[in-house]
Every structure is written in structure tokens, then in C-alpha cells.
Amino acid sequence: RAPIETTEANLDAILRRLLAAHVVPVLVETRAPYLGGRYRDLFERLADRHRVPLVDDVIADILADPAKKSDEIHPNAIGYQELADQIAEAIEPILAAHEKRTGR
């Protein structure tokens, strides 16, 4: 329930710290039905600003399907598996590039 500006500033600070520690974060958009669409631009701005992968629309899609959620705002095991699959797809090119570069 924080103002969107506060949310953006907090996420920006987290991303800066992770990148400074040489960690490549993955942003997972939480534009769920109960948040409204105002967060879409926030996640896109942060992903562009920090040049990090963005997994978008997956939470909204999961929570729109009763078979994939345990309550109104949390996925169930099927929903979390779908989320994990989407994140894996987003980071696969990063991991492949790292492996090619380092041989591990």
C-alpha cells in the first residue's frame, strides 16, 4: 500500500545493491489484478534502467486461473511451477552466455 514512487525508489535501491555485488537480478512483474495496471511502466522503467531481465504478465495470468492459485493473491504449486518455468526461460540466455564465457 506504499505510494508507487516509494515502491520504485525501494526497488531501484535493491537493484543497485544487487548489481554492485555482481548479482544479476530478474524482475518479476507483480501487476496482479488487484494492483491495477499502474505498475507495468514501473517494472519496464526499472528493467530498462538497470538492463535486467523482466518477466512480465505471468503473475496476472496465474492469478486469473483458479486452478493455479491457493487464494486470491497467492499461487498454488501449479502456479509456482509456471512462475519458475517463466523465470527459467528468462534467465536461460544469461546462463548460457555465462557458461560460454567461463566454461562453467
N, C-alpha and C. Protein backbone atom coordinates (compact mmCIF):
# COMPACT_ATOMS: atom_id res chain seq x y z
N ARG A 1 0.82 -1.21 0.00
CA ARG A 1 0.00 0.00 0.00
C ARG A 1 0.85 1.26 0.00
N ALA A 2 2.13 1.10 -0.27
CA ALA A 2 3.02 2.26 -0.35
C ALA A 2 2.76 2.99 -1.66
N PRO A 3 3.01 4.29 -1.68
CA PRO A 3 2.88 5.02 -2.95
C PRO A 3 3.81 4.41 -4.00
N ILE A 4 3.39 4.48 -5.24
CA ILE A 4 4.17 3.87 -6.33
C ILE A 4 5.58 4.46 -6.40
N GLU A 5 5.73 5.74 -6.07
CA GLU A 5 7.05 6.37 -6.09
C GLU A 5 7.98 5.73 -5.04
N THR A 6 7.43 5.41 -3.89
CA THR A 6 8.21 4.76 -2.84
C THR A 6 8.60 3.35 -3.28
N THR A 7 7.66 2.64 -3.88
CA THR A 7 7.94 1.30 -4.37
C THR A 7 9.06 1.33 -5.41
N GLU A 8 8.99 2.28 -6.33
CA GLU A 8 10.02 2.38 -7.36
C GLU A 8 11.38 2.72 -6.74
N ALA A 9 11.41 3.65 -5.81
CA ALA A 9 12.68 4.02 -5.17
C ALA A 9 13.27 2.83 -4.41
N ASN A 10 12.43 2.08 -3.72
CA ASN A 10 12.92 0.91 -2.98
C ASN A 10 13.46 -0.17 -3.91
N LEU A 11 12.71 -0.47 -4.97
CA LEU A 11 13.18 -1.47 -5.93
C LEU A 11 14.45 -1.01 -6.63
N ASP A 12 14.52 0.28 -6.95
CA ASP A 12 15.72 0.83 -7.58
C ASP A 12 16.93 0.64 -6.67
N ALA A 13 16.78 0.91 -5.39
CA ALA A 13 17.88 0.75 -4.43
C ALA A 13 18.29 -0.72 -4.32
N ILE A 14 17.32 -1.62 -4.30
CA ILE A 14 17.62 -3.05 -4.22
C ILE A 14 18.40 -3.48 -5.47
N LEU A 15 17.94 -3.06 -6.63
CA LEU A 15 18.62 -3.43 -7.88
C LEU A 15 20.05 -2.89 -7.91
N ARG A 16 20.23 -1.66 -7.47
CA ARG A 16 21.59 -1.08 -7.44
C ARG A 16 22.52 -1.90 -6.54
N ARG A 17 22.03 -2.30 -5.38
CA ARG A 17 22.85 -3.10 -4.45
C ARG A 17 23.19 -4.47 -5.03
N LEU A 18 22.21 -5.10 -5.65
CA LEU A 18 22.46 -6.41 -6.24
C LEU A 18 23.48 -6.31 -7.38
N LEU A 19 23.30 -5.33 -8.23
CA LEU A 19 24.23 -5.16 -9.35
C LEU A 19 25.63 -4.80 -8.87
N ALA A 20 25.72 -4.00 -7.82
CA ALA A 20 27.03 -3.65 -7.25
C ALA A 20 27.73 -4.88 -6.69
N ALA A 21 26.94 -5.88 -6.26
CA ALA A 21 27.50 -7.13 -5.74
C ALA A 21 27.70 -8.16 -6.86
N HIS A 22 27.54 -7.71 -8.10
CA HIS A 22 27.72 -8.57 -9.29
C HIS A 22 26.71 -9.71 -9.35
N VAL A 23 25.51 -9.43 -8.89
CA VAL A 23 24.39 -10.35 -8.99
C VAL A 23 23.47 -9.84 -10.08
N VAL A 24 23.03 -10.71 -10.95
CA VAL A 24 22.10 -10.29 -11.99
C VAL A 24 20.68 -10.60 -11.52
N PRO A 25 19.95 -9.59 -11.11
CA PRO A 25 18.57 -9.83 -10.66
C PRO A 25 17.63 -10.02 -11.84
N VAL A 26 16.52 -10.65 -11.57
CA VAL A 26 15.44 -10.79 -12.54
C VAL A 26 14.21 -10.14 -11.92
N LEU A 27 13.67 -9.16 -12.59
CA LEU A 27 12.44 -8.52 -12.11
C LEU A 27 11.25 -9.37 -12.53
N VAL A 28 10.38 -9.65 -11.59
CA VAL A 28 9.16 -10.37 -11.88
C VAL A 28 8.02 -9.40 -11.64
N GLU A 29 7.38 -9.01 -12.71
CA GLU A 29 6.31 -8.02 -12.62
C GLU A 29 5.18 -8.56 -11.76
N THR A 30 4.74 -7.75 -10.82
CA THR A 30 3.64 -8.16 -9.94
C THR A 30 2.37 -7.38 -10.25
N ARG A 31 2.15 -7.16 -11.51
CA ARG A 31 0.96 -6.44 -11.93
C ARG A 31 -0.24 -7.38 -11.89
N ALA A 32 -0.54 -7.80 -10.69
CA ALA A 32 -1.67 -8.71 -10.48
C ALA A 32 -2.97 -7.92 -10.59
N PRO A 33 -4.06 -8.63 -10.80
CA PRO A 33 -5.35 -7.96 -10.98
C PRO A 33 -5.70 -6.98 -9.85
N TYR A 34 -5.29 -7.29 -8.63
CA TYR A 34 -5.65 -6.42 -7.51
C TYR A 34 -4.78 -5.16 -7.43
N LEU A 35 -3.69 -5.08 -8.20
CA LEU A 35 -2.83 -3.90 -8.17
C LEU A 35 -3.18 -2.89 -9.25
N GLY A 36 -3.87 -3.32 -10.27
CA GLY A 36 -4.15 -2.43 -11.37
C GLY A 36 -2.96 -2.33 -12.30
N GLY A 37 -3.12 -1.63 -13.41
CA GLY A 37 -2.09 -1.56 -14.43
C GLY A 37 -1.01 -0.52 -14.21
N ARG A 38 -1.09 0.25 -13.15
CA ARG A 38 -0.15 1.36 -12.96
C ARG A 38 1.28 0.90 -12.70
N TYR A 39 1.49 -0.35 -12.37
CA TYR A 39 2.83 -0.85 -12.08
C TYR A 39 3.58 -1.31 -13.32
N ARG A 40 2.90 -1.51 -14.43
CA ARG A 40 3.56 -2.01 -15.64
C ARG A 40 4.71 -1.10 -16.04
N ASP A 41 4.46 0.19 -16.13
CA ASP A 41 5.52 1.12 -16.52
C ASP A 41 6.66 1.13 -15.52
N LEU A 42 6.35 0.97 -14.25
CA LEU A 42 7.39 0.95 -13.21
C LEU A 42 8.38 -0.18 -13.47
N PHE A 43 7.89 -1.38 -13.70
CA PHE A 43 8.78 -2.52 -13.92
C PHE A 43 9.57 -2.38 -15.22
N GLU A 44 8.92 -1.87 -16.26
CA GLU A 44 9.62 -1.67 -17.53
C GLU A 44 10.72 -0.61 -17.38
N ARG A 45 10.42 0.47 -16.67
CA ARG A 45 11.44 1.51 -16.43
C ARG A 45 12.64 0.94 -15.69
N LEU A 46 12.38 0.19 -14.62
CA LEU A 46 13.46 -0.37 -13.83
C LEU A 46 14.28 -1.37 -14.64
N ALA A 47 13.62 -2.22 -15.40
CA ALA A 47 14.34 -3.20 -16.22
C ALA A 47 15.21 -2.50 -17.26
N ASP A 48 14.67 -1.48 -17.90
CA ASP A 48 15.44 -0.73 -18.89
C ASP A 48 16.60 0.03 -18.24
N ARG A 49 16.32 0.69 -17.14
CA ARG A 49 17.33 1.49 -16.45
C ARG A 49 18.52 0.64 -16.02
N HIS A 50 18.24 -0.54 -15.51
CA HIS A 50 19.31 -1.38 -14.96
C HIS A 50 19.74 -2.51 -15.91
N ARG A 51 19.07 -2.57 -17.07
CA ARG A 51 19.38 -3.60 -18.08
C ARG A 51 19.34 -5.00 -17.48
N VAL A 52 18.21 -5.30 -16.85
CA VAL A 52 18.00 -6.61 -16.25
C VAL A 52 16.76 -7.26 -16.89
N PRO A 53 16.71 -8.59 -16.87
CA PRO A 53 15.55 -9.28 -17.45
C PRO A 53 14.26 -8.96 -16.68
N LEU A 54 13.18 -8.92 -17.42
CA LEU A 54 11.86 -8.69 -16.84
C LEU A 54 10.94 -9.82 -17.27
N VAL A 55 10.35 -10.48 -16.30
CA VAL A 55 9.33 -11.49 -16.56
C VAL A 55 8.00 -10.79 -16.30
N ASP A 56 7.27 -10.55 -17.38
CA ASP A 56 6.04 -9.78 -17.21
C ASP A 56 4.80 -10.63 -17.48
N ASP A 57 3.70 -10.19 -16.93
CA ASP A 57 2.37 -10.76 -17.11
C ASP A 57 2.14 -12.13 -16.49
N VAL A 58 3.17 -12.81 -16.00
CA VAL A 58 2.98 -14.17 -15.53
C VAL A 58 2.14 -14.24 -14.24
N ILE A 59 2.36 -13.33 -13.31
CA ILE A 59 1.57 -13.36 -12.07
C ILE A 59 0.10 -13.12 -12.36
N ALA A 60 -0.19 -12.12 -13.18
CA ALA A 60 -1.59 -11.84 -13.52
C ALA A 60 -2.24 -13.04 -14.19
N ASP A 61 -1.50 -13.68 -15.09
CA ASP A 61 -2.04 -14.86 -15.77
C ASP A 61 -2.29 -16.00 -14.79
N ILE A 62 -1.37 -16.20 -13.88
CA ILE A 62 -1.53 -17.27 -12.88
C ILE A 62 -2.73 -17.00 -11.99
N LEU A 63 -2.82 -15.78 -11.48
CA LEU A 63 -3.90 -15.45 -10.55
C LEU A 63 -5.27 -15.32 -11.22
N ALA A 64 -5.27 -15.26 -12.54
CA ALA A 64 -6.54 -15.23 -13.26
C ALA A 64 -7.14 -16.63 -13.42
N ASP A 65 -6.33 -17.66 -13.13
CA ASP A 65 -6.76 -19.04 -13.31
C ASP A 65 -6.95 -19.70 -11.94
N PRO A 66 -8.18 -19.98 -11.55
CA PRO A 66 -8.44 -20.58 -10.24
C PRO A 66 -7.67 -21.89 -10.00
N ALA A 67 -7.33 -22.62 -11.05
CA ALA A 67 -6.61 -23.88 -10.90
C ALA A 67 -5.14 -23.67 -10.52
N LYS A 68 -4.67 -22.40 -10.59
CA LYS A 68 -3.26 -22.11 -10.33
C LYS A 68 -3.05 -21.27 -9.07
N LYS A 69 -4.09 -21.06 -8.28
CA LYS A 69 -3.91 -20.24 -7.08
C LYS A 69 -4.52 -20.89 -5.85
N SER A 70 -3.88 -20.59 -4.71
CA SER A 70 -4.35 -21.15 -3.45
C SER A 70 -5.35 -20.23 -2.75
N ASP A 71 -5.27 -18.94 -3.05
CA ASP A 71 -6.24 -17.96 -2.57
C ASP A 71 -6.24 -16.82 -3.57
N GLU A 72 -6.82 -15.70 -3.22
CA GLU A 72 -6.96 -14.60 -4.18
C GLU A 72 -5.63 -13.98 -4.64
N ILE A 73 -4.58 -14.09 -3.81
CA ILE A 73 -3.34 -13.41 -4.16
C ILE A 73 -2.09 -14.29 -4.15
N HIS A 74 -2.25 -15.60 -3.96
CA HIS A 74 -1.09 -16.50 -3.90
C HIS A 74 -1.27 -17.67 -4.86
N PRO A 75 -0.23 -17.97 -5.63
CA PRO A 75 -0.29 -19.17 -6.47
C PRO A 75 -0.25 -20.43 -5.62
N ASN A 76 -0.71 -21.52 -6.20
CA ASN A 76 -0.55 -22.84 -5.57
C ASN A 76 0.67 -23.50 -6.22
N ALA A 77 0.88 -24.78 -5.99
CA ALA A 77 2.06 -25.47 -6.53
C ALA A 77 2.11 -25.39 -8.05
N ILE A 78 0.98 -25.52 -8.70
CA ILE A 78 0.94 -25.44 -10.17
C ILE A 78 1.32 -24.03 -10.61
N GLY A 79 0.78 -23.04 -9.93
CA GLY A 79 1.10 -21.65 -10.27
C GLY A 79 2.56 -21.32 -10.04
N TYR A 80 3.12 -21.78 -8.93
CA TYR A 80 4.54 -21.53 -8.66
C TYR A 80 5.43 -22.24 -9.68
N GLN A 81 5.02 -23.43 -10.13
CA GLN A 81 5.80 -24.12 -11.16
C GLN A 81 5.80 -23.31 -12.45
N GLU A 82 4.65 -22.77 -12.81
CA GLU A 82 4.58 -21.93 -14.01
C GLU A 82 5.46 -20.69 -13.85
N LEU A 83 5.43 -20.08 -12.68
CA LEU A 83 6.28 -18.93 -12.41
C LEU A 83 7.75 -19.30 -12.55
N ALA A 84 8.15 -20.43 -11.97
CA ALA A 84 9.54 -20.89 -12.06
C ALA A 84 9.93 -21.15 -13.51
N ASP A 85 9.03 -21.74 -14.27
CA ASP A 85 9.32 -22.01 -15.69
C ASP A 85 9.53 -20.71 -16.47
N GLN A 86 8.72 -19.70 -16.19
CA GLN A 86 8.85 -18.41 -16.88
C GLN A 86 10.17 -17.73 -16.51
N ILE A 87 10.54 -17.79 -15.24
CA ILE A 87 11.81 -17.20 -14.81
C ILE A 87 12.97 -17.95 -15.44
N ALA A 88 12.90 -19.28 -15.46
CA ALA A 88 13.96 -20.07 -16.08
C ALA A 88 14.13 -19.71 -17.54
N GLU A 89 13.03 -19.51 -18.23
CA GLU A 89 13.09 -19.12 -19.64
C GLU A 89 13.78 -17.76 -19.80
N ALA A 90 13.50 -16.85 -18.88
CA ALA A 90 14.09 -15.51 -18.96
C ALA A 90 15.59 -15.52 -18.68
N ILE A 91 16.04 -16.39 -17.79
CA ILE A 91 17.45 -16.37 -17.43
C ILE A 91 18.30 -17.36 -18.23
N GLU A 92 17.67 -18.23 -18.98
CA GLU A 92 18.42 -19.22 -19.77
C GLU A 92 19.48 -18.58 -20.67
N PRO A 93 19.16 -17.51 -21.41
CA PRO A 93 20.20 -16.89 -22.24
C PRO A 93 21.36 -16.31 -21.42
N ILE A 94 21.07 -15.81 -20.24
CA ILE A 94 22.11 -15.24 -19.37
C ILE A 94 23.03 -16.36 -18.90
N LEU A 95 22.44 -17.47 -18.47
CA LEU A 95 23.23 -18.60 -18.01
C LEU A 95 24.06 -19.20 -19.14
N ALA A 96 23.48 -19.30 -20.33
CA ALA A 96 24.21 -19.84 -21.48
C ALA A 96 25.39 -18.95 -21.83
N ALA A 97 25.19 -17.64 -21.80
CA ALA A 97 26.29 -16.71 -22.11
C ALA A 97 27.39 -16.82 -21.06
N HIS A 98 27.00 -16.95 -19.81
CA HIS A 98 27.98 -17.08 -18.73
C HIS A 98 28.78 -18.37 -18.91
N GLU A 99 28.08 -19.45 -19.21
CA GLU A 99 28.76 -20.73 -19.40
C GLU A 99 29.73 -20.68 -20.58
N LYS A 100 29.30 -20.05 -21.64
CA LYS A 100 30.16 -19.91 -22.83
C LYS A 100 31.41 -19.09 -22.49
N ARG A 101 31.22 -18.04 -21.73
CA ARG A 101 32.30 -17.13 -21.38
C ARG A 101 33.27 -17.77 -20.37
N THR A 102 32.74 -18.52 -19.42
CA THR A 102 33.58 -19.04 -18.33
C THR A 102 33.89 -20.53 -18.46
N GLY A 103 33.15 -21.24 -19.29
CA GLY A 103 33.34 -22.67 -19.40
C GLY A 103 32.71 -23.45 -18.26
N ARG A 104 31.88 -22.80 -17.42
CA ARG A 104 31.19 -23.49 -16.32
C ARG A 104 29.71 -23.25 -16.40
